[in-house]
Amino acid sequence: MKSEFEIARILKPRGLKGEMKVQFYSSDVARFSLLKTVRIDGVAHKLSKITAEGEYGYIVLEDINTVEAAEDLRGRMISARRDELPKLEEGKFYIADMIGLAVYVGNDYIGKLADILQYGSADVYVIKNDKQSLSVPAIKQLISSVDLENGKLTLDEVIFDRVVVYN
């Protein structure tokens, strides 16, 4: 499992004192409110303030206090260490941990989890193998088990046949 996650991308400065608009990569931005430190290009920055408005929000870093300094960070990724993030509730996983899992329908290997697309009603798992790409909704009834330790995602055979989309 990764020890550091990309949690947001800096979009642009806001105001003259270094505040930055960011796009968060989480369905629950509130989990980042307890962070004390974030990293940009491997450099640690103390977090002064974080506010969320849906998937977007604003951050203030202690050492970034001018519009010019904020502008220099435009487009950069913000990451946080796993040990600084709150524990997820049972059955929830970080996307970064799931990408690359071997996907099985029952006992049959069908490919690797290549991407997770986030939509309002349900996430969509994109699975790729040597021959094709397919998509399935990430719904509770379909997911039999997620085993991060062994790198395996198992899907229910009956539900899979009803919901799979071959791309």
N, C-alpha and C. Protein backbone atom coordinates (compact mmCIF):
# COMPACT_ATOMS: atom_id res chain seq x y z
N MET A 1 0.84 -1.19 0.00
CA MET A 1 0.00 0.00 0.00
C MET A 1 0.88 1.24 0.00
N LYS A 2 0.38 2.27 -0.62
CA LYS A 2 1.13 3.51 -0.71
C LYS A 2 1.21 4.20 0.64
N SER A 3 2.33 4.85 0.90
CA SER A 3 2.47 5.58 2.15
C SER A 3 2.08 7.04 2.00
N GLU A 4 1.90 7.49 0.76
CA GLU A 4 1.53 8.88 0.50
C GLU A 4 0.50 8.92 -0.62
N PHE A 5 -0.51 9.78 -0.49
CA PHE A 5 -1.58 9.89 -1.47
C PHE A 5 -1.66 11.29 -2.03
N GLU A 6 -1.99 11.39 -3.31
CA GLU A 6 -2.36 12.68 -3.88
C GLU A 6 -3.78 12.95 -3.44
N ILE A 7 -3.99 14.10 -2.79
CA ILE A 7 -5.32 14.40 -2.26
C ILE A 7 -5.99 15.56 -2.99
N ALA A 8 -5.21 16.34 -3.73
CA ALA A 8 -5.79 17.50 -4.42
C ALA A 8 -4.81 18.03 -5.46
N ARG A 9 -5.36 18.89 -6.33
CA ARG A 9 -4.55 19.59 -7.33
C ARG A 9 -4.81 21.08 -7.16
N ILE A 10 -3.76 21.86 -7.18
CA ILE A 10 -3.88 23.31 -7.04
C ILE A 10 -4.36 23.89 -8.37
N LEU A 11 -5.46 24.63 -8.31
CA LEU A 11 -6.04 25.20 -9.53
C LEU A 11 -5.55 26.61 -9.81
N LYS A 12 -5.64 27.49 -8.77
CA LYS A 12 -5.22 28.88 -8.99
C LYS A 12 -5.19 29.62 -7.66
N PRO A 13 -4.48 30.76 -7.63
CA PRO A 13 -4.50 31.58 -6.43
C PRO A 13 -5.87 32.24 -6.23
N ARG A 14 -6.14 32.59 -4.99
CA ARG A 14 -7.36 33.34 -4.68
C ARG A 14 -6.95 34.47 -3.74
N GLY A 15 -7.12 35.67 -4.16
CA GLY A 15 -6.73 36.81 -3.35
C GLY A 15 -5.23 37.08 -3.47
N LEU A 16 -4.73 37.93 -2.60
CA LEU A 16 -3.33 38.37 -2.69
C LEU A 16 -2.43 37.78 -1.62
N LYS A 17 -2.97 37.00 -0.68
CA LYS A 17 -2.19 36.52 0.46
C LYS A 17 -1.81 35.05 0.40
N GLY A 18 -1.90 34.43 -0.78
CA GLY A 18 -1.42 33.06 -0.93
C GLY A 18 -2.46 31.98 -0.82
N GLU A 19 -3.72 32.34 -0.60
CA GLU A 19 -4.77 31.31 -0.57
C GLU A 19 -4.90 30.71 -1.96
N MET A 20 -5.19 29.39 -2.01
CA MET A 20 -5.26 28.71 -3.31
C MET A 20 -6.54 27.90 -3.42
N LYS A 21 -7.14 27.96 -4.61
CA LYS A 21 -8.28 27.10 -4.91
C LYS A 21 -7.73 25.74 -5.34
N VAL A 22 -8.33 24.67 -4.80
CA VAL A 22 -7.86 23.32 -5.11
C VAL A 22 -9.04 22.43 -5.49
N GLN A 23 -8.73 21.38 -6.22
CA GLN A 23 -9.72 20.34 -6.52
C GLN A 23 -9.32 19.12 -5.69
N PHE A 24 -10.22 18.70 -4.79
CA PHE A 24 -9.94 17.57 -3.92
C PHE A 24 -10.26 16.26 -4.63
N TYR A 25 -9.51 15.21 -4.29
CA TYR A 25 -9.74 13.87 -4.83
C TYR A 25 -10.29 12.98 -3.73
N SER A 26 -11.50 13.27 -3.30
CA SER A 26 -12.11 12.48 -2.25
C SER A 26 -13.61 12.70 -2.25
N SER A 27 -14.34 11.68 -1.87
CA SER A 27 -15.78 11.83 -1.72
C SER A 27 -16.12 12.46 -0.37
N ASP A 28 -15.12 12.55 0.51
CA ASP A 28 -15.33 13.12 1.84
C ASP A 28 -14.17 14.05 2.17
N VAL A 29 -14.27 15.29 1.73
CA VAL A 29 -13.20 16.26 1.91
C VAL A 29 -12.97 16.56 3.39
N ALA A 30 -13.99 16.40 4.21
CA ALA A 30 -13.87 16.68 5.64
C ALA A 30 -12.74 15.88 6.29
N ARG A 31 -12.42 14.70 5.72
CA ARG A 31 -11.35 13.89 6.32
C ARG A 31 -10.00 14.62 6.28
N PHE A 32 -9.85 15.61 5.39
CA PHE A 32 -8.59 16.33 5.29
C PHE A 32 -8.49 17.48 6.29
N SER A 33 -9.59 17.82 6.94
CA SER A 33 -9.60 18.99 7.83
C SER A 33 -8.68 18.83 9.04
N LEU A 34 -8.31 17.60 9.38
CA LEU A 34 -7.44 17.38 10.53
C LEU A 34 -5.96 17.36 10.17
N LEU A 35 -5.66 17.46 8.88
CA LEU A 35 -4.26 17.45 8.46
C LEU A 35 -3.52 18.66 8.99
N LYS A 36 -2.30 18.45 9.39
CA LYS A 36 -1.44 19.54 9.84
C LYS A 36 -0.39 19.88 8.79
N THR A 37 -0.04 18.88 7.97
CA THR A 37 1.01 19.03 6.96
C THR A 37 0.57 18.40 5.65
N VAL A 38 0.92 19.06 4.55
CA VAL A 38 0.73 18.48 3.23
C VAL A 38 2.07 18.59 2.50
N ARG A 39 2.17 17.89 1.38
CA ARG A 39 3.42 17.91 0.61
C ARG A 39 3.12 18.33 -0.83
N ILE A 40 4.00 19.15 -1.35
CA ILE A 40 3.95 19.56 -2.75
C ILE A 40 5.34 19.33 -3.31
N ASP A 41 5.43 18.49 -4.33
CA ASP A 41 6.73 18.13 -4.91
C ASP A 41 7.70 17.62 -3.85
N GLY A 42 7.19 16.86 -2.89
CA GLY A 42 8.03 16.27 -1.85
C GLY A 42 8.40 17.20 -0.71
N VAL A 43 8.01 18.47 -0.80
CA VAL A 43 8.34 19.45 0.23
C VAL A 43 7.15 19.59 1.18
N ALA A 44 7.40 19.47 2.48
CA ALA A 44 6.34 19.58 3.48
C ALA A 44 5.97 21.04 3.71
N HIS A 45 4.67 21.29 3.81
CA HIS A 45 4.15 22.63 4.08
C HIS A 45 3.13 22.51 5.21
N LYS A 46 3.22 23.40 6.20
CA LYS A 46 2.23 23.39 7.28
C LYS A 46 0.93 24.01 6.77
N LEU A 47 -0.14 23.34 7.07
CA LEU A 47 -1.47 23.76 6.62
C LEU A 47 -2.07 24.69 7.66
N SER A 48 -2.41 25.92 7.25
CA SER A 48 -3.03 26.89 8.16
C SER A 48 -4.54 26.80 8.15
N LYS A 49 -5.10 26.58 6.95
CA LYS A 49 -6.55 26.60 6.82
C LYS A 49 -6.96 25.76 5.62
N ILE A 50 -8.08 25.07 5.76
CA ILE A 50 -8.63 24.30 4.66
C ILE A 50 -10.15 24.42 4.73
N THR A 51 -10.76 24.77 3.61
CA THR A 51 -12.21 24.84 3.53
C THR A 51 -12.65 24.09 2.29
N ALA A 52 -13.82 23.49 2.37
CA ALA A 52 -14.31 22.68 1.26
C ALA A 52 -15.65 23.20 0.76
N GLU A 53 -15.82 23.13 -0.55
CA GLU A 53 -17.09 23.46 -1.20
C GLU A 53 -17.30 22.39 -2.26
N GLY A 54 -17.84 21.23 -1.84
CA GLY A 54 -17.97 20.11 -2.76
C GLY A 54 -16.61 19.51 -3.03
N GLU A 55 -16.30 19.26 -4.30
CA GLU A 55 -15.00 18.69 -4.62
C GLU A 55 -13.91 19.76 -4.70
N TYR A 56 -14.31 21.02 -4.60
CA TYR A 56 -13.36 22.12 -4.61
C TYR A 56 -13.24 22.72 -3.23
N GLY A 57 -12.22 23.49 -3.02
CA GLY A 57 -12.04 24.14 -1.74
C GLY A 57 -10.86 25.08 -1.80
N TYR A 58 -10.47 25.56 -0.64
CA TYR A 58 -9.38 26.52 -0.54
C TYR A 58 -8.45 26.12 0.58
N ILE A 59 -7.16 26.33 0.35
CA ILE A 59 -6.17 26.05 1.38
C ILE A 59 -5.25 27.25 1.56
N VAL A 60 -4.73 27.37 2.76
CA VAL A 60 -3.71 28.36 3.07
C VAL A 60 -2.56 27.61 3.72
N LEU A 61 -1.37 27.80 3.19
CA LEU A 61 -0.16 27.19 3.74
C LEU A 61 0.64 28.26 4.46
N GLU A 62 1.24 27.91 5.60
CA GLU A 62 1.96 28.90 6.40
C GLU A 62 3.05 29.64 5.64
N ASP A 63 3.76 28.93 4.75
CA ASP A 63 4.91 29.53 4.07
C ASP A 63 4.58 30.09 2.68
N ILE A 64 3.34 30.07 2.29
CA ILE A 64 2.92 30.64 1.00
C ILE A 64 2.00 31.81 1.34
N ASN A 65 2.53 33.03 1.21
CA ASN A 65 1.75 34.18 1.65
C ASN A 65 1.67 35.33 0.64
N THR A 66 1.97 35.02 -0.62
CA THR A 66 1.79 36.02 -1.68
C THR A 66 1.10 35.36 -2.87
N VAL A 67 0.46 36.18 -3.69
CA VAL A 67 -0.19 35.66 -4.88
C VAL A 67 0.85 35.06 -5.83
N GLU A 68 2.05 35.64 -5.85
CA GLU A 68 3.10 35.13 -6.73
C GLU A 68 3.56 33.73 -6.30
N ALA A 69 3.72 33.54 -5.01
CA ALA A 69 4.13 32.22 -4.50
C ALA A 69 3.04 31.18 -4.78
N ALA A 70 1.78 31.58 -4.63
CA ALA A 70 0.67 30.68 -4.92
C ALA A 70 0.61 30.37 -6.42
N GLU A 71 0.83 31.36 -7.24
CA GLU A 71 0.82 31.17 -8.70
C GLU A 71 1.88 30.18 -9.14
N ASP A 72 3.03 30.19 -8.49
CA ASP A 72 4.11 29.25 -8.82
C ASP A 72 3.70 27.79 -8.58
N LEU A 73 2.69 27.57 -7.75
CA LEU A 73 2.24 26.22 -7.43
C LEU A 73 1.04 25.77 -8.28
N ARG A 74 0.56 26.62 -9.14
CA ARG A 74 -0.60 26.30 -9.99
C ARG A 74 -0.35 24.98 -10.73
N GLY A 75 -1.36 24.09 -10.69
CA GLY A 75 -1.28 22.81 -11.39
C GLY A 75 -0.55 21.71 -10.64
N ARG A 76 0.08 22.03 -9.53
CA ARG A 76 0.83 21.03 -8.77
C ARG A 76 -0.11 20.17 -7.95
N MET A 77 0.38 18.98 -7.64
CA MET A 77 -0.39 18.03 -6.84
C MET A 77 -0.05 18.19 -5.36
N ILE A 78 -1.06 18.04 -4.53
CA ILE A 78 -0.90 18.09 -3.07
C ILE A 78 -1.05 16.66 -2.57
N SER A 79 -0.11 16.22 -1.76
CA SER A 79 -0.20 14.87 -1.21
C SER A 79 -0.14 14.92 0.31
N ALA A 80 -0.56 13.80 0.90
CA ALA A 80 -0.53 13.67 2.36
C ALA A 80 -0.08 12.26 2.69
N ARG A 81 0.58 12.13 3.81
CA ARG A 81 1.05 10.81 4.25
C ARG A 81 -0.11 10.01 4.83
N ARG A 82 -0.12 8.71 4.53
CA ARG A 82 -1.17 7.82 5.01
C ARG A 82 -1.31 7.90 6.53
N ASP A 83 -0.19 7.94 7.25
CA ASP A 83 -0.26 7.93 8.72
C ASP A 83 -0.81 9.23 9.29
N GLU A 84 -0.98 10.26 8.46
CA GLU A 84 -1.56 11.52 8.91
C GLU A 84 -3.04 11.62 8.55
N LEU A 85 -3.52 10.69 7.73
CA LEU A 85 -4.93 10.69 7.34
C LEU A 85 -5.75 9.88 8.33
N PRO A 86 -7.00 10.23 8.53
CA PRO A 86 -7.83 9.45 9.45
C PRO A 86 -8.09 8.05 8.90
N LYS A 87 -8.31 7.11 9.78
CA LYS A 87 -8.64 5.75 9.38
C LYS A 87 -10.01 5.76 8.70
N LEU A 88 -10.13 4.96 7.65
CA LEU A 88 -11.40 4.85 6.96
C LEU A 88 -12.30 3.86 7.68
N GLU A 89 -13.59 4.07 7.55
CA GLU A 89 -14.53 3.12 8.18
C GLU A 89 -14.50 1.80 7.43
N GLU A 90 -14.99 0.77 8.07
CA GLU A 90 -15.02 -0.59 7.51
C GLU A 90 -15.69 -0.58 6.14
N GLY A 91 -15.05 -1.22 5.17
CA GLY A 91 -15.62 -1.31 3.83
C GLY A 91 -15.28 -0.15 2.91
N LYS A 92 -14.54 0.83 3.40
CA LYS A 92 -14.11 1.98 2.58
C LYS A 92 -12.62 1.83 2.30
N PHE A 93 -12.20 2.24 1.10
CA PHE A 93 -10.81 2.09 0.69
C PHE A 93 -10.37 3.32 -0.08
N TYR A 94 -9.09 3.61 -0.01
CA TYR A 94 -8.53 4.68 -0.83
C TYR A 94 -8.39 4.16 -2.26
N ILE A 95 -8.78 4.98 -3.22
CA ILE A 95 -8.70 4.59 -4.63
C ILE A 95 -7.28 4.17 -4.99
N ALA A 96 -6.30 4.90 -4.49
CA ALA A 96 -4.90 4.58 -4.81
C ALA A 96 -4.52 3.17 -4.39
N ASP A 97 -5.15 2.65 -3.34
CA ASP A 97 -4.88 1.28 -2.90
C ASP A 97 -5.56 0.24 -3.78
N MET A 98 -6.65 0.64 -4.42
CA MET A 98 -7.42 -0.32 -5.22
C MET A 98 -6.92 -0.45 -6.66
N ILE A 99 -6.40 0.63 -7.21
CA ILE A 99 -5.92 0.58 -8.59
C ILE A 99 -4.83 -0.50 -8.69
N GLY A 100 -4.97 -1.37 -9.68
CA GLY A 100 -4.01 -2.44 -9.88
C GLY A 100 -4.41 -3.78 -9.28
N LEU A 101 -5.52 -3.80 -8.52
CA LEU A 101 -5.97 -5.07 -7.95
C LEU A 101 -6.33 -6.05 -9.07
N ALA A 102 -6.03 -7.33 -8.85
CA ALA A 102 -6.47 -8.38 -9.76
C ALA A 102 -7.96 -8.58 -9.52
N VAL A 103 -8.74 -8.59 -10.61
CA VAL A 103 -10.20 -8.69 -10.48
C VAL A 103 -10.65 -10.08 -10.90
N TYR A 104 -11.48 -10.67 -10.05
CA TYR A 104 -12.03 -12.00 -10.29
C TYR A 104 -13.55 -11.93 -10.27
N VAL A 105 -14.17 -12.69 -11.15
CA VAL A 105 -15.60 -12.92 -11.09
C VAL A 105 -15.73 -14.36 -10.63
N GLY A 106 -16.17 -14.53 -9.39
CA GLY A 106 -16.11 -15.86 -8.78
C GLY A 106 -14.65 -16.25 -8.69
N ASN A 107 -14.26 -17.37 -9.33
CA ASN A 107 -12.88 -17.83 -9.33
C ASN A 107 -12.13 -17.50 -10.62
N ASP A 108 -12.81 -16.82 -11.57
CA ASP A 108 -12.21 -16.52 -12.88
C ASP A 108 -11.58 -15.14 -12.91
N TYR A 109 -10.29 -15.11 -13.24
CA TYR A 109 -9.57 -13.85 -13.38
C TYR A 109 -10.03 -13.15 -14.65
N ILE A 110 -10.39 -11.86 -14.54
CA ILE A 110 -10.85 -11.13 -15.73
C ILE A 110 -9.97 -9.92 -16.08
N GLY A 111 -9.04 -9.54 -15.21
CA GLY A 111 -8.16 -8.42 -15.52
C GLY A 111 -7.75 -7.65 -14.29
N LYS A 112 -7.19 -6.48 -14.52
CA LYS A 112 -6.73 -5.60 -13.44
C LYS A 112 -7.64 -4.38 -13.36
N LEU A 113 -7.84 -3.89 -12.15
CA LEU A 113 -8.59 -2.66 -11.96
C LEU A 113 -7.71 -1.51 -12.43
N ALA A 114 -8.09 -0.89 -13.54
CA ALA A 114 -7.26 0.14 -14.17
C ALA A 114 -7.63 1.54 -13.72
N ASP A 115 -8.90 1.76 -13.38
CA ASP A 115 -9.34 3.11 -13.02
C ASP A 115 -10.64 3.01 -12.24
N ILE A 116 -10.91 4.04 -11.47
CA ILE A 116 -12.20 4.17 -10.80
C ILE A 116 -12.73 5.56 -11.15
N LEU A 117 -13.82 5.58 -11.88
CA LEU A 117 -14.44 6.83 -12.29
C LEU A 117 -15.49 7.19 -11.26
N GLN A 118 -15.49 8.43 -10.81
CA GLN A 118 -16.41 8.83 -9.76
C GLN A 118 -17.56 9.64 -10.35
N TYR A 119 -18.76 9.09 -10.20
CA TYR A 119 -19.98 9.73 -10.63
C TYR A 119 -20.89 9.88 -9.43
N GLY A 120 -21.96 10.64 -9.58
CA GLY A 120 -22.86 10.91 -8.46
C GLY A 120 -23.52 9.69 -7.88
N SER A 121 -24.09 8.83 -8.72
CA SER A 121 -24.86 7.71 -8.19
C SER A 121 -23.99 6.55 -7.72
N ALA A 122 -22.92 6.27 -8.44
CA ALA A 122 -22.01 5.19 -8.05
C ALA A 122 -20.69 5.35 -8.79
N ASP A 123 -19.62 4.91 -8.16
CA ASP A 123 -18.34 4.87 -8.86
C ASP A 123 -18.43 3.79 -9.93
N VAL A 124 -17.55 3.88 -10.93
CA VAL A 124 -17.49 2.87 -11.97
C VAL A 124 -16.08 2.31 -12.00
N TYR A 125 -15.97 0.99 -11.90
CA TYR A 125 -14.69 0.31 -11.98
C TYR A 125 -14.39 0.02 -13.45
N VAL A 126 -13.20 0.42 -13.90
CA VAL A 126 -12.74 0.12 -15.25
C VAL A 126 -11.70 -0.99 -15.13
N ILE A 127 -11.99 -2.11 -15.77
CA ILE A 127 -11.15 -3.30 -15.68
C ILE A 127 -10.56 -3.56 -17.05
N LYS A 128 -9.26 -3.79 -17.10
CA LYS A 128 -8.60 -4.05 -18.39
C LYS A 128 -7.82 -5.35 -18.33
N ASN A 129 -7.83 -6.05 -19.49
CA ASN A 129 -6.98 -7.22 -19.66
C ASN A 129 -6.35 -7.12 -21.04
N ASP A 130 -5.67 -8.15 -21.49
CA ASP A 130 -4.96 -8.10 -22.77
C ASP A 130 -5.89 -7.91 -23.97
N LYS A 131 -7.15 -8.30 -23.84
CA LYS A 131 -8.06 -8.31 -24.98
C LYS A 131 -9.08 -7.18 -24.97
N GLN A 132 -9.46 -6.70 -23.78
CA GLN A 132 -10.57 -5.75 -23.73
C GLN A 132 -10.56 -4.90 -22.46
N SER A 133 -11.46 -3.94 -22.50
CA SER A 133 -11.73 -3.10 -21.34
C SER A 133 -13.21 -3.24 -21.03
N LEU A 134 -13.54 -3.32 -19.76
CA LEU A 134 -14.94 -3.41 -19.37
C LEU A 134 -15.18 -2.56 -18.15
N SER A 135 -16.44 -2.21 -17.95
CA SER A 135 -16.81 -1.34 -16.83
C SER A 135 -17.96 -1.96 -16.05
N VAL A 136 -17.93 -1.74 -14.74
CA VAL A 136 -19.02 -2.19 -13.87
C VAL A 136 -19.25 -1.13 -12.80
N PRO A 137 -20.50 -0.97 -12.37
CA PRO A 137 -20.74 -0.03 -11.28
C PRO A 137 -20.22 -0.60 -9.96
N ALA A 138 -19.69 0.25 -9.13
CA ALA A 138 -19.17 -0.18 -7.83
C ALA A 138 -20.31 -0.19 -6.82
N ILE A 139 -21.17 -1.18 -6.95
CA ILE A 139 -22.33 -1.29 -6.06
C ILE A 139 -22.11 -2.44 -5.08
N LYS A 140 -22.67 -2.27 -3.90
CA LYS A 140 -22.47 -3.23 -2.81
C LYS A 140 -22.82 -4.66 -3.20
N GLN A 141 -23.89 -4.84 -3.97
CA GLN A 141 -24.34 -6.18 -4.33
C GLN A 141 -23.34 -6.89 -5.24
N LEU A 142 -22.56 -6.13 -6.01
CA LEU A 142 -21.60 -6.71 -6.96
C LEU A 142 -20.30 -7.12 -6.29
N ILE A 143 -19.88 -6.39 -5.29
CA ILE A 143 -18.56 -6.59 -4.69
C ILE A 143 -18.64 -7.67 -3.61
N SER A 144 -18.05 -8.82 -3.92
CA SER A 144 -18.04 -9.92 -2.94
C SER A 144 -16.98 -9.68 -1.88
N SER A 145 -15.77 -9.26 -2.32
CA SER A 145 -14.70 -8.99 -1.34
C SER A 145 -13.62 -8.11 -1.95
N VAL A 146 -12.98 -7.35 -1.08
CA VAL A 146 -11.81 -6.55 -1.43
C VAL A 146 -10.71 -6.99 -0.48
N ASP A 147 -9.63 -7.54 -1.04
CA ASP A 147 -8.51 -8.04 -0.24
C ASP A 147 -7.26 -7.28 -0.66
N LEU A 148 -7.01 -6.14 0.00
CA LEU A 148 -5.86 -5.31 -0.35
C LEU A 148 -4.54 -6.04 -0.07
N GLU A 149 -4.51 -6.80 0.99
CA GLU A 149 -3.29 -7.50 1.38
C GLU A 149 -2.82 -8.46 0.30
N ASN A 150 -3.75 -9.14 -0.34
CA ASN A 150 -3.42 -10.10 -1.40
C ASN A 150 -3.66 -9.55 -2.80
N GLY A 151 -4.06 -8.26 -2.90
CA GLY A 151 -4.22 -7.62 -4.19
C GLY A 151 -5.35 -8.18 -5.02
N LYS A 152 -6.50 -8.45 -4.40
CA LYS A 152 -7.57 -9.14 -5.10
C LYS A 152 -8.93 -8.50 -4.83
N LEU A 153 -9.69 -8.30 -5.91
CA LEU A 153 -11.06 -7.82 -5.86
C LEU A 153 -11.94 -8.91 -6.47
N THR A 154 -12.92 -9.39 -5.73
CA THR A 154 -13.79 -10.46 -6.22
C THR A 154 -15.20 -9.92 -6.39
N LEU A 155 -15.78 -10.20 -7.57
CA LEU A 155 -17.12 -9.73 -7.91
C LEU A 155 -18.08 -10.92 -7.98
N ASP A 156 -19.34 -10.66 -7.67
CA ASP A 156 -20.39 -11.68 -7.71
C ASP A 156 -20.72 -12.03 -9.16
N GLU A 157 -20.76 -13.32 -9.47
CA GLU A 157 -20.97 -13.80 -10.85
C GLU A 157 -22.34 -13.42 -11.40
N VAL A 158 -23.37 -13.58 -10.63
CA VAL A 158 -24.73 -13.32 -11.12
C VAL A 158 -24.93 -11.83 -11.39
N ILE A 159 -24.55 -11.00 -10.44
CA ILE A 159 -24.72 -9.55 -10.60
C ILE A 159 -23.81 -9.04 -11.73
N PHE A 160 -22.60 -9.56 -11.82
CA PHE A 160 -21.66 -9.13 -12.86
C PHE A 160 -22.27 -9.27 -14.24
N ASP A 161 -22.87 -10.40 -14.53
CA ASP A 161 -23.46 -10.64 -15.85
C ASP A 161 -24.58 -9.65 -16.16
N ARG A 162 -25.23 -9.13 -15.16
CA ARG A 162 -26.34 -8.18 -15.36
C ARG A 162 -25.86 -6.75 -15.60
N VAL A 163 -24.68 -6.40 -15.07
CA VAL A 163 -24.28 -4.98 -15.08
C VAL A 163 -23.04 -4.66 -15.93
N VAL A 164 -22.30 -5.66 -16.38
CA VAL A 164 -21.05 -5.40 -17.08
C VAL A 164 -21.31 -4.70 -18.42
N VAL A 165 -20.43 -3.76 -18.75
CA VAL A 165 -20.45 -3.07 -20.04
C VAL A 165 -19.08 -3.33 -20.68
N TYR A 166 -19.09 -3.94 -21.86
CA TYR A 166 -17.85 -4.19 -22.59
C TYR A 166 -17.56 -3.00 -23.47
N ASN A 167 -16.38 -2.42 -23.29
CA ASN A 167 -16.00 -1.22 -24.06
C ASN A 167 -15.27 -1.58 -25.33
